[in-house]
PDB file of N, CA and C in Angstrom:
ATOM      1  N   MET A   1      20.826  16.760   1.970  1.00  0.00           N
ATOM      2  CA  MET A   1      19.858  15.941   2.604  1.00  0.00           C
ATOM      3  C   MET A   1      20.239  14.478   2.442  1.00  0.00           C
ATOM      4  N   SER A   2      20.136  13.742   3.500  1.00  0.00           N
ATOM      5  CA  SER A   2      20.546  12.326   3.447  1.00  0.00           C
ATOM      6  C   SER A   2      19.469  11.477   2.802  1.00  0.00           C
ATOM      7  N   ILE A   3      19.905  10.393   2.173  1.00  0.00           N
ATOM      8  CA  ILE A   3      19.013   9.467   1.495  1.00  0.00           C
ATOM      9  C   ILE A   3      17.967   8.910   2.478  1.00  0.00           C
ATOM     10  N   ILE A   4      18.420   8.655   3.672  1.00  0.00           N
ATOM     11  CA  ILE A   4      17.591   8.049   4.696  1.00  0.00           C
ATOM     12  C   ILE A   4      16.339   8.896   5.002  1.00  0.00           C
ATOM     13  N   ASN A   5      16.403  10.191   4.754  1.00  0.00           N
ATOM     14  CA  ASN A   5      15.253  11.074   4.990  1.00  0.00           C
ATOM     15  C   ASN A   5      14.073  10.773   4.093  1.00  0.00           C
ATOM     16  N   ASN A   6      14.331  10.166   2.923  1.00  0.00           N
ATOM     17  CA  ASN A   6      13.241   9.837   2.005  1.00  0.00           C
ATOM     18  C   ASN A   6      12.615   8.478   2.263  1.00  0.00           C
ATOM     19  N   ILE A   7      13.187   7.753   3.219  1.00  0.00           N
ATOM     20  CA  ILE A   7      12.595   6.458   3.590  1.00  0.00           C
ATOM     21  C   ILE A   7      11.396   6.747   4.486  1.00  0.00           C
ATOM     22  N   ASN A   8      10.249   6.262   4.043  1.00  0.00           N
ATOM     23  CA  ASN A   8       8.972   6.601   4.672  1.00  0.00           C
ATOM     24  C   ASN A   8       8.573   5.533   5.695  1.00  0.00           C
ATOM     25  N   LYS A   9       8.388   5.962   6.953  1.00  0.00           N
ATOM     26  CA  LYS A   9       8.024   5.020   8.043  1.00  0.00           C
ATOM     27  C   LYS A   9       6.697   4.303   7.777  1.00  0.00           C
ATOM     28  N   VAL A  10       5.814   4.931   7.048  1.00  0.00           N
ATOM     29  CA  VAL A  10       4.509   4.313   6.780  1.00  0.00           C
ATOM     30  C   VAL A  10       4.702   2.994   5.999  1.00  0.00           C
ATOM     31  N   PHE A  11       5.753   2.921   5.173  1.00  0.00           N
ATOM     32  CA  PHE A  11       6.004   1.749   4.360  1.00  0.00           C
ATOM     33  C   PHE A  11       6.956   0.756   5.027  1.00  0.00           C
ATOM     34  N   ASP A  12       7.270   0.996   6.303  1.00  0.00           N
ATOM     35  CA  ASP A  12       8.216   0.132   7.027  1.00  0.00           C
ATOM     36  C   ASP A  12       7.765  -1.332   7.114  1.00  0.00           C
ATOM     37  N   HIS A  13       6.494  -1.563   7.214  1.00  0.00           N
ATOM     38  CA  HIS A  13       5.993  -2.915   7.421  1.00  0.00           C
ATOM     39  C   HIS A  13       5.853  -3.643   6.084  1.00  0.00           C
ATOM     40  N   ARG A  14       6.228  -4.896   6.057  1.00  0.00           N
ATOM     41  CA  ARG A  14       6.175  -5.669   4.789  1.00  0.00           C
ATOM     42  C   ARG A  14       4.783  -5.755   4.209  1.00  0.00           C
ATOM     43  N   ILE A  15       3.738  -5.793   5.045  1.00  0.00           N
ATOM     44  CA  ILE A  15       2.377  -5.882   4.515  1.00  0.00           C
ATOM     45  C   ILE A  15       1.983  -4.600   3.813  1.00  0.00           C
ATOM     46  N   ARG A  16       2.351  -3.459   4.391  1.00  0.00           N
ATOM     47  CA  ARG A  16       2.064  -2.166   3.728  1.00  0.00           C
ATOM     48  C   ARG A  16       2.843  -2.021   2.454  1.00  0.00           C
ATOM     49  N   LEU A  17       4.093  -2.450   2.481  1.00  0.00           N
ATOM     50  CA  LEU A  17       4.907  -2.469   1.272  1.00  0.00           C
ATOM     51  C   LEU A  17       4.270  -3.339   0.202  1.00  0.00           C
ATOM     52  N   GLY A  18       3.745  -4.482   0.610  1.00  0.00           N
ATOM     53  CA  GLY A  18       3.072  -5.388  -0.312  1.00  0.00           C
ATOM     54  C   GLY A  18       1.788  -4.797  -0.885  1.00  0.00           C
ATOM     55  N   ILE A  19       1.013  -4.181  -0.022  1.00  0.00           N
ATOM     56  CA  ILE A  19      -0.264  -3.559  -0.476  1.00  0.00           C
ATOM     57  C   ILE A  19       0.072  -2.494  -1.528  1.00  0.00           C
ATOM     58  N   MET A  20       1.013  -1.625  -1.224  1.00  0.00           N
ATOM     59  CA  MET A  20       1.368  -0.562  -2.166  1.00  0.00           C
ATOM     60  C   MET A  20       1.958  -1.114  -3.463  1.00  0.00           C
ATOM     61  N   SER A  21       2.784  -2.139  -3.351  1.00  0.00           N
ATOM     62  CA  SER A  21       3.356  -2.744  -4.556  1.00  0.00           C
ATOM     63  C   SER A  21       2.273  -3.306  -5.480  1.00  0.00           C
ATOM     64  N   ILE A  22       1.298  -3.984  -4.877  1.00  0.00           N
ATOM     65  CA  ILE A  22       0.178  -4.548  -5.675  1.00  0.00           C
ATOM     66  C   ILE A  22      -0.621  -3.421  -6.313  1.00  0.00           C
ATOM     67  N   LEU A  23      -0.909  -2.363  -5.548  1.00  0.00           N
ATOM     68  CA  LEU A  23      -1.739  -1.274  -6.069  1.00  0.00           C
ATOM     69  C   LEU A  23      -0.990  -0.425  -7.096  1.00  0.00           C
ATOM     70  N   MET A  24       0.292  -0.397  -7.059  1.00  0.00           N
ATOM     71  CA  MET A  24       1.069   0.378  -8.051  1.00  0.00           C
ATOM     72  C   MET A  24       0.985  -0.237  -9.432  1.00  0.00           C
ATOM     73  N   VAL A  25       0.783  -1.556  -9.499  1.00  0.00           N
ATOM     74  CA  VAL A  25       0.759  -2.223 -10.799  1.00  0.00           C
ATOM     75  C   VAL A  25      -0.668  -2.634 -11.224  1.00  0.00           C
ATOM     76  N   ASN A  26      -1.629  -2.408 -10.368  1.00  0.00           N
ATOM     77  CA  ASN A  26      -3.029  -2.685 -10.681  1.00  0.00           C
ATOM     78  C   ASN A  26      -3.836  -1.427 -10.466  1.00  0.00           C
ATOM     79  N   GLU A  27      -4.861  -1.226 -11.276  1.00  0.00           N
ATOM     80  CA  GLU A  27      -5.701  -0.047 -11.110  1.00  0.00           C
ATOM     81  C   GLU A  27      -6.351  -0.051  -9.708  1.00  0.00           C
ATOM     82  N   TYR A  28      -6.727  -1.246  -9.279  1.00  0.00           N
ATOM     83  CA  TYR A  28      -7.301  -1.408  -7.940  1.00  0.00           C
ATOM     84  C   TYR A  28      -7.180  -2.877  -7.548  1.00  0.00           C
ATOM     85  N   ALA A  29      -7.395  -3.176  -6.280  1.00  0.00           N
ATOM     86  CA  ALA A  29      -7.445  -4.547  -5.799  1.00  0.00           C
ATOM     87  C   ALA A  29      -8.503  -4.596  -4.700  1.00  0.00           C
ATOM     88  N   ASP A  30      -9.243  -5.687  -4.644  1.00  0.00           N
ATOM     89  CA  ASP A  30     -10.227  -5.772  -3.571  1.00  0.00           C
ATOM     90  C   ASP A  30      -9.610  -6.496  -2.363  1.00  0.00           C
ATOM     91  N   PHE A  31     -10.344  -6.462  -1.284  1.00  0.00           N
ATOM     92  CA  PHE A  31      -9.853  -6.987   0.000  1.00  0.00           C
ATOM     93  C   PHE A  31      -9.400  -8.451  -0.137  1.00  0.00           C
ATOM     94  N   ASN A  32     -10.238  -9.266  -0.774  1.00  0.00           N
ATOM     95  CA  ASN A  32      -9.909 -10.695  -0.906  1.00  0.00           C
ATOM     96  C   ASN A  32      -8.665 -10.935  -1.767  1.00  0.00           C
ATOM     97  N   MET A  33      -8.521 -10.142  -2.817  1.00  0.00           N
ATOM     98  CA  MET A  33      -7.305 -10.277  -3.668  1.00  0.00           C
ATOM     99  C   MET A  33      -6.069  -9.960  -2.856  1.00  0.00           C
ATOM    100  N   LEU A  34      -6.104  -8.856  -2.110  1.00  0.00           N
ATOM    101  CA  LEU A  34      -4.941  -8.471  -1.290  1.00  0.00           C
ATOM    102  C   LEU A  34      -4.657  -9.543  -0.234  1.00  0.00           C
ATOM    103  N   LYS A  35      -5.724 -10.035   0.402  1.00  0.00           N
ATOM    104  CA  LYS A  35      -5.584 -11.028   1.456  1.00  0.00           C
ATOM    105  C   LYS A  35      -4.920 -12.307   0.899  1.00  0.00           C
ATOM    106  N   GLU A  36      -5.359 -12.719  -0.272  1.00  0.00           N
ATOM    107  CA  GLU A  36      -4.810 -13.918  -0.898  1.00  0.00           C
ATOM    108  C   GLU A  36      -3.357 -13.725  -1.338  1.00  0.00           C
ATOM    109  N   LEU A  37      -3.073 -12.634  -2.023  1.00  0.00           N
ATOM    110  CA  LEU A  37      -1.745 -12.359  -2.509  1.00  0.00           C
ATOM    111  C   LEU A  37      -0.709 -12.192  -1.395  1.00  0.00           C
ATOM    112  N   LEU A  38      -1.142 -11.572  -0.309  1.00  0.00           N
ATOM    113  CA  LEU A  38      -0.219 -11.294   0.801  1.00  0.00           C
ATOM    114  C   LEU A  38      -0.240 -12.380   1.880  1.00  0.00           C
ATOM    115  N   ASP A  39      -1.200 -13.291   1.799  1.00  0.00           N
ATOM    116  CA  ASP A  39      -1.322 -14.386   2.745  1.00  0.00           C
ATOM    117  C   ASP A  39      -1.380 -13.881   4.192  1.00  0.00           C
ATOM    118  N   VAL A  40      -2.372 -13.017   4.446  1.00  0.00           N
ATOM    119  CA  VAL A  40      -2.550 -12.409   5.771  1.00  0.00           C
ATOM    120  C   VAL A  40      -3.990 -12.637   6.245  1.00  0.00           C
ATOM    121  N   THR A  41      -4.203 -12.408   7.550  1.00  0.00           N
ATOM    122  CA  THR A  41      -5.551 -12.534   8.119  1.00  0.00           C
ATOM    123  C   THR A  41      -6.365 -11.275   7.805  1.00  0.00           C
ATOM    124  N   ASP A  42      -7.659 -11.408   7.955  1.00  0.00           N
ATOM    125  CA  ASP A  42      -8.575 -10.259   7.751  1.00  0.00           C
ATOM    126  C   ASP A  42      -8.171  -9.073   8.640  1.00  0.00           C
ATOM    127  N   GLY A  43      -7.986  -9.351   9.919  1.00  0.00           N
ATOM    128  CA  GLY A  43      -7.663  -8.289  10.871  1.00  0.00           C
ATOM    129  C   GLY A  43      -6.342  -7.605  10.577  1.00  0.00           C
ATOM    130  N   ASN A  44      -5.353  -8.405  10.213  1.00  0.00           N
ATOM    131  CA  ASN A  44      -4.017  -7.871   9.898  1.00  0.00           C
ATOM    132  C   ASN A  44      -4.100  -6.966   8.668  1.00  0.00           C
ATOM    133  N   LEU A  45      -4.786  -7.420   7.633  1.00  0.00           N
ATOM    134  CA  LEU A  45      -4.933  -6.630   6.401  1.00  0.00           C
ATOM    135  C   LEU A  45      -5.715  -5.354   6.697  1.00  0.00           C
ATOM    136  N   ALA A  46      -6.771  -5.477   7.452  1.00  0.00           N
ATOM    137  CA  ALA A  46      -7.632  -4.311   7.776  1.00  0.00           C
ATOM    138  C   ALA A  46      -6.823  -3.236   8.511  1.00  0.00           C
ATOM    139  N   SER A  47      -5.996  -3.626   9.443  1.00  0.00           N
ATOM    140  CA  SER A  47      -5.236  -2.614  10.187  1.00  0.00           C
ATOM    141  C   SER A  47      -4.211  -1.914   9.297  1.00  0.00           C
ATOM    142  N   HIS A  48      -3.607  -2.644   8.389  1.00  0.00           N
ATOM    143  CA  HIS A  48      -2.613  -2.007   7.489  1.00  0.00           C
ATOM    144  C   HIS A  48      -3.264  -1.136   6.424  1.00  0.00           C
ATOM    145  N   THR A  49      -4.421  -1.556   5.909  1.00  0.00           N
ATOM    146  CA  THR A  49      -5.101  -0.686   4.922  1.00  0.00           C
ATOM    147  C   THR A  49      -5.602   0.577   5.617  1.00  0.00           C
ATOM    148  N   LYS A  50      -6.026   0.464   6.873  1.00  0.00           N
ATOM    149  CA  LYS A  50      -6.460   1.655   7.620  1.00  0.00           C
ATOM    150  C   LYS A  50      -5.326   2.637   7.805  1.00  0.00           C
ATOM    151  N   ALA A  51      -4.122   2.133   8.094  1.00  0.00           N
ATOM    152  CA  ALA A  51      -2.951   2.990   8.261  1.00  0.00           C
ATOM    153  C   ALA A  51      -2.616   3.717   6.956  1.00  0.00           C
ATOM    154  N   LEU A  52      -2.687   3.014   5.845  1.00  0.00           N
ATOM    155  CA  LEU A  52      -2.418   3.627   4.534  1.00  0.00           C
ATOM    156  C   LEU A  52      -3.494   4.633   4.153  1.00  0.00           C
ATOM    157  N   GLU A  53      -4.728   4.315   4.521  1.00  0.00           N
ATOM    158  CA  GLU A  53      -5.834   5.245   4.257  1.00  0.00           C
ATOM    159  C   GLU A  53      -5.683   6.502   5.107  1.00  0.00           C
ATOM    160  N   ALA A  54      -5.316   6.332   6.360  1.00  0.00           N
ATOM    161  CA  ALA A  54      -5.134   7.486   7.268  1.00  0.00           C
ATOM    162  C   ALA A  54      -4.035   8.411   6.773  1.00  0.00           C
ATOM    163  N   ALA A  55      -2.998   7.838   6.118  1.00  0.00           N
ATOM    164  CA  ALA A  55      -1.911   8.647   5.566  1.00  0.00           C
ATOM    165  C   ALA A  55      -2.316   9.253   4.217  1.00  0.00           C
ATOM    166  N   GLU A  56      -3.518   8.895   3.749  1.00  0.00           N
ATOM    167  CA  GLU A  56      -4.046   9.360   2.465  1.00  0.00           C
ATOM    168  C   GLU A  56      -3.230   8.829   1.284  1.00  0.00           C
ATOM    169  N   TYR A  57      -2.697   7.611   1.426  1.00  0.00           N
ATOM    170  CA  TYR A  57      -1.905   6.962   0.367  1.00  0.00           C
ATOM    171  C   TYR A  57      -2.774   6.054  -0.468  1.00  0.00           C
ATOM    172  N   ILE A  58      -3.914   5.603   0.088  1.00  0.00           N
ATOM    173  CA  ILE A  58      -4.848   4.764  -0.676  1.00  0.00           C
ATOM    174  C   ILE A  58      -6.266   5.283  -0.467  1.00  0.00           C
ATOM    175  N   LYS A  59      -7.118   4.968  -1.473  1.00  0.00           N
ATOM    176  CA  LYS A  59      -8.555   5.273  -1.401  1.00  0.00           C
ATOM    177  C   LYS A  59      -9.292   3.960  -1.204  1.00  0.00           C
ATOM    178  N   VAL A  60     -10.378   4.037  -0.480  1.00  0.00           N
ATOM    179  CA  VAL A  60     -11.194   2.862  -0.219  1.00  0.00           C
ATOM    180  C   VAL A  60     -12.587   3.095  -0.786  1.00  0.00           C
ATOM    181  N   GLU A  61     -13.056   2.127  -1.576  1.00  0.00           N
ATOM    182  CA  GLU A  61     -14.406   2.189  -2.141  1.00  0.00           C
ATOM    183  C   GLU A  61     -15.163   0.978  -1.652  1.00  0.00           C
ATOM    184  N   LYS A  62     -16.307   1.227  -1.050  1.00  0.00           N
ATOM    185  CA  LYS A  62     -17.164   0.130  -0.590  1.00  0.00           C
ATOM    186  C   LYS A  62     -18.371   0.079  -1.508  1.00  0.00           C
ATOM    187  N   GLN A  63     -18.684  -1.117  -1.957  1.00  0.00           N
ATOM    188  CA  GLN A  63     -19.828  -1.274  -2.852  1.00  0.00           C
ATOM    189  C   GLN A  63     -20.438  -2.665  -2.643  1.00  0.00           C
ATOM    190  N   PHE A  64     -21.535  -2.931  -3.303  1.00  0.00           N
ATOM    191  CA  PHE A  64     -22.130  -4.264  -3.252  1.00  0.00           C
ATOM    192  C   PHE A  64     -22.052  -4.860  -4.644  1.00  0.00           C
ATOM    193  N   ILE A  65     -21.642  -6.133  -4.689  1.00  0.00           N
ATOM    194  CA  ILE A  65     -21.672  -6.882  -5.940  1.00  0.00           C
ATOM    195  C   ILE A  65     -22.700  -7.963  -5.700  1.00  0.00           C
ATOM    196  N   GLY A  66     -23.860  -7.811  -6.355  1.00  0.00           N
ATOM    197  CA  GLY A  66     -25.001  -8.637  -6.009  1.00  0.00           C
ATOM    198  C   GLY A  66     -25.430  -8.256  -4.613  1.00  0.00           C
ATOM    199  N   ARG A  67     -25.456  -9.194  -3.706  1.00  0.00           N
ATOM    200  CA  ARG A  67     -25.804  -8.895  -2.328  1.00  0.00           C
ATOM    201  C   ARG A  67     -24.580  -8.911  -1.404  1.00  0.00           C
ATOM    202  N   LYS A  68     -23.426  -9.093  -1.998  1.00  0.00           N
ATOM    203  CA  LYS A  68     -22.197  -9.189  -1.185  1.00  0.00           C
ATOM    204  C   LYS A  68     -21.466  -7.860  -1.119  1.00  0.00           C
ATOM    205  N   PRO A  69     -21.041  -7.462   0.088  1.00  0.00           N
ATOM    206  CA  PRO A  69     -20.236  -6.241   0.186  1.00  0.00           C
ATOM    207  C   PRO A  69     -18.848  -6.501  -0.413  1.00  0.00           C
ATOM    208  N   ASN A  70     -18.321  -5.477  -1.056  1.00  0.00           N
ATOM    209  CA  ASN A  70     -16.995  -5.567  -1.670  1.00  0.00           C
ATOM    210  C   ASN A  70     -16.240  -4.274  -1.340  1.00  0.00           C
ATOM    211  N   THR A  71     -15.036  -4.419  -0.858  1.00  0.00           N
ATOM    212  CA  THR A  71     -14.192  -3.270  -0.562  1.00  0.00           C
ATOM    213  C   THR A  71     -12.996  -3.311  -1.509  1.00  0.00           C
ATOM    214  N   ARG A  72     -12.796  -2.231  -2.243  1.00  0.00           N
ATOM    215  CA  ARG A  72     -11.626  -2.197  -3.124  1.00  0.00           C
ATOM    216  C   ARG A  72     -10.779  -0.969  -2.855  1.00  0.00           C
ATOM    217  N   TYR A  73      -9.516  -1.136  -3.130  1.00  0.00           N
ATOM    218  CA  TYR A  73      -8.512  -0.127  -2.819  1.00  0.00           C
ATOM    219  C   TYR A  73      -7.763   0.305  -4.067  1.00  0.00           C
ATOM    220  N   SER A  74      -7.355   1.579  -4.080  1.00  0.00           N
ATOM    221  CA  SER A  74      -6.494   2.083  -5.142  1.00  0.00           C
ATOM    222  C   SER A  74      -5.577   3.143  -4.543  1.00  0.00           C
ATOM    223  N   THR A  75      -4.483   3.432  -5.234  1.00  0.00           N
ATOM    224  CA  THR A  75      -3.550   4.430  -4.730  1.00  0.00           C
ATOM    225  C   THR A  75      -4.093   5.844  -4.996  1.00  0.00           C
ATOM    226  N   THR A  76      -3.673   6.776  -4.164  1.00  0.00           N
ATOM    227  CA  THR A  76      -3.938   8.184  -4.421  1.00  0.00           C
ATOM    228  C   THR A  76      -2.711   8.754  -5.135  1.00  0.00           C
ATOM    229  N   LYS A  77      -2.809   9.924  -5.682  1.00  0.00           N
ATOM    230  CA  LYS A  77      -1.639  10.556  -6.319  1.00  0.00           C
ATOM    231  C   LYS A  77      -0.526  10.720  -5.274  1.00  0.00           C
ATOM    232  N   LEU A  78      -0.913  11.161  -4.076  1.00  0.00           N
ATOM    233  CA  LEU A  78       0.058  11.323  -2.998  1.00  0.00           C
ATOM    234  C   LEU A  78       0.735   9.978  -2.677  1.00  0.00           C
ATOM    235  N   GLY A  79      -0.074   8.938  -2.581  1.00  0.00           N
ATOM    236  CA  GLY A  79       0.462   7.603  -2.290  1.00  0.00           C
ATOM    237  C   GLY A  79       1.463   7.140  -3.313  1.00  0.00           C
ATOM    238  N   GLU A  80       1.134   7.343  -4.597  1.00  0.00           N
ATOM    239  CA  GLU A  80       2.044   6.972  -5.685  1.00  0.00           C
ATOM    240  C   GLU A  80       3.347   7.741  -5.572  1.00  0.00           C
ATOM    241  N   LEU A  81       3.264   9.030  -5.348  1.00  0.00           N
ATOM    242  CA  LEU A  81       4.453   9.864  -5.255  1.00  0.00           C
ATOM    243  C   LEU A  81       5.332   9.460  -4.052  1.00  0.00           C
ATOM    244  N   GLU A  82       4.741   9.281  -2.912  1.00  0.00           N
ATOM    245  CA  GLU A  82       5.489   8.910  -1.702  1.00  0.00           C
ATOM    246  C   GLU A  82       6.094   7.530  -1.835  1.00  0.00           C
ATOM    247  N   PHE A  83       5.369   6.598  -2.454  1.00  0.00           N
ATOM    248  CA  PHE A  83       5.894   5.242  -2.604  1.00  0.00           C
ATOM    249  C   PHE A  83       7.087   5.239  -3.558  1.00  0.00           C
ATOM    250  N   LYS A  84       6.978   5.991  -4.655  1.00  0.00           N
ATOM    251  CA  LYS A  84       8.095   6.096  -5.616  1.00  0.00           C
ATOM    252  C   LYS A  84       9.318   6.686  -4.930  1.00  0.00           C
ATOM    253  N   LYS A  85       9.120   7.738  -4.118  1.00  0.00           N
ATOM    254  CA  LYS A  85      10.254   8.339  -3.379  1.00  0.00           C
ATOM    255  C   LYS A  85      10.891   7.341  -2.433  1.00  0.00           C
ATOM    256  N   HIS A  86      10.042   6.563  -1.765  1.00  0.00           N
ATOM    257  CA  HIS A  86      10.512   5.555  -0.813  1.00  0.00           C
ATOM    258  C   HIS A  86      11.353   4.495  -1.535  1.00  0.00           C
ATOM    259  N   ILE A  87      10.852   3.985  -2.638  1.00  0.00           N
ATOM    260  CA  ILE A  87      11.569   2.956  -3.397  1.00  0.00           C
ATOM    261  C   ILE A  87      12.899   3.503  -3.961  1.00  0.00           C
ATOM    262  N   GLU A  88      12.871   4.732  -4.462  1.00  0.00           N
ATOM    263  CA  GLU A  88      14.095   5.359  -4.981  1.00  0.00           C
ATOM    264  C   GLU A  88      15.137   5.518  -3.850  1.00  0.00           C
ATOM    265  N   ALA A  89      14.680   5.892  -2.675  1.00  0.00           N
ATOM    266  CA  ALA A  89      15.596   6.053  -1.536  1.00  0.00           C
ATOM    267  C   ALA A  89      16.213   4.714  -1.155  1.00  0.00           C
ATOM    268  N   LEU A  90      15.393   3.656  -1.146  1.00  0.00           N
ATOM    269  CA  LEU A  90      15.910   2.323  -0.853  1.00  0.00           C
ATOM    270  C   LEU A  90      16.942   1.872  -1.899  1.00  0.00           C
ATOM    271  N   GLU A  91      16.630   2.151  -3.170  1.00  0.00           N
ATOM    272  CA  GLU A  91      17.558   1.783  -4.261  1.00  0.00           C
ATOM    273  C   GLU A  91      18.888   2.535  -4.116  1.00  0.00           C
ATOM    274  N   LYS A  92      18.812   3.815  -3.793  1.00  0.00           N
ATOM    275  CA  LYS A  92      20.056   4.606  -3.603  1.00  0.00           C
ATOM    276  C   LYS A  92      20.845   4.057  -2.443  1.00  0.00           C
ATOM    277  N   LEU A  93      20.167   3.702  -1.361  1.00  0.00           N
ATOM    278  CA  LEU A  93      20.821   3.173  -0.170  1.00  0.00           C
ATOM    279  C   LEU A  93      21.516   1.851  -0.522  1.00  0.00           C
ATOM    280  N   ILE A  94      20.840   0.975  -1.236  1.00  0.00           N
ATOM    281  CA  ILE A  94      21.390  -0.318  -1.636  1.00  0.00           C
ATOM    282  C   ILE A  94      22.588  -0.126  -2.590  1.00  0.00           C
ATOM    283  N   ASN A  95      22.455   0.781  -3.514  1.00  0.00           N
ATOM    284  CA  ASN A  95      23.518   0.998  -4.526  1.00  0.00           C
ATOM    285  C   ASN A  95      24.725   1.725  -3.982  1.00  0.00           C
ATOM    286  N   LYS A  96      24.614   2.308  -2.807  1.00  0.00           N
ATOM    287  CA  LYS A  96      25.764   3.013  -2.183  1.00  0.00           C
ATOM    288  C   LYS A  96      26.766   2.016  -1.652  1.00  0.00           C
ATOM    289  N   GLN A  97      26.342   0.811  -1.372  1.00  0.00           N
ATOM    290  CA  GLN A  97      27.225  -0.214  -0.806  1.00  0.00           C
ATOM    291  C   GLN A  97      28.353  -0.594  -1.734  1.00  0.00           C
TER     292      GLN A  97
END
């Protein structure tokens, strides 16, 4: 099986790669934290978190803090596994050179 087969199309976009990278090292991150760290618009971040949620790579929790809505994200076990496989495949590809 070729290394390229483990490269996951879901993680092709830099924003999704960024979201997953942040969530892999934090228990969770809320919408504003991701938006600030990745320097993206609300709409852009929302579309990429929806794609990761649809792939079942992240979980979304909506809650209220005081009277303000808060959306926070965390990785799923599947998301962690797939992201690790993706990063390992990229590392193998880079190290083959």
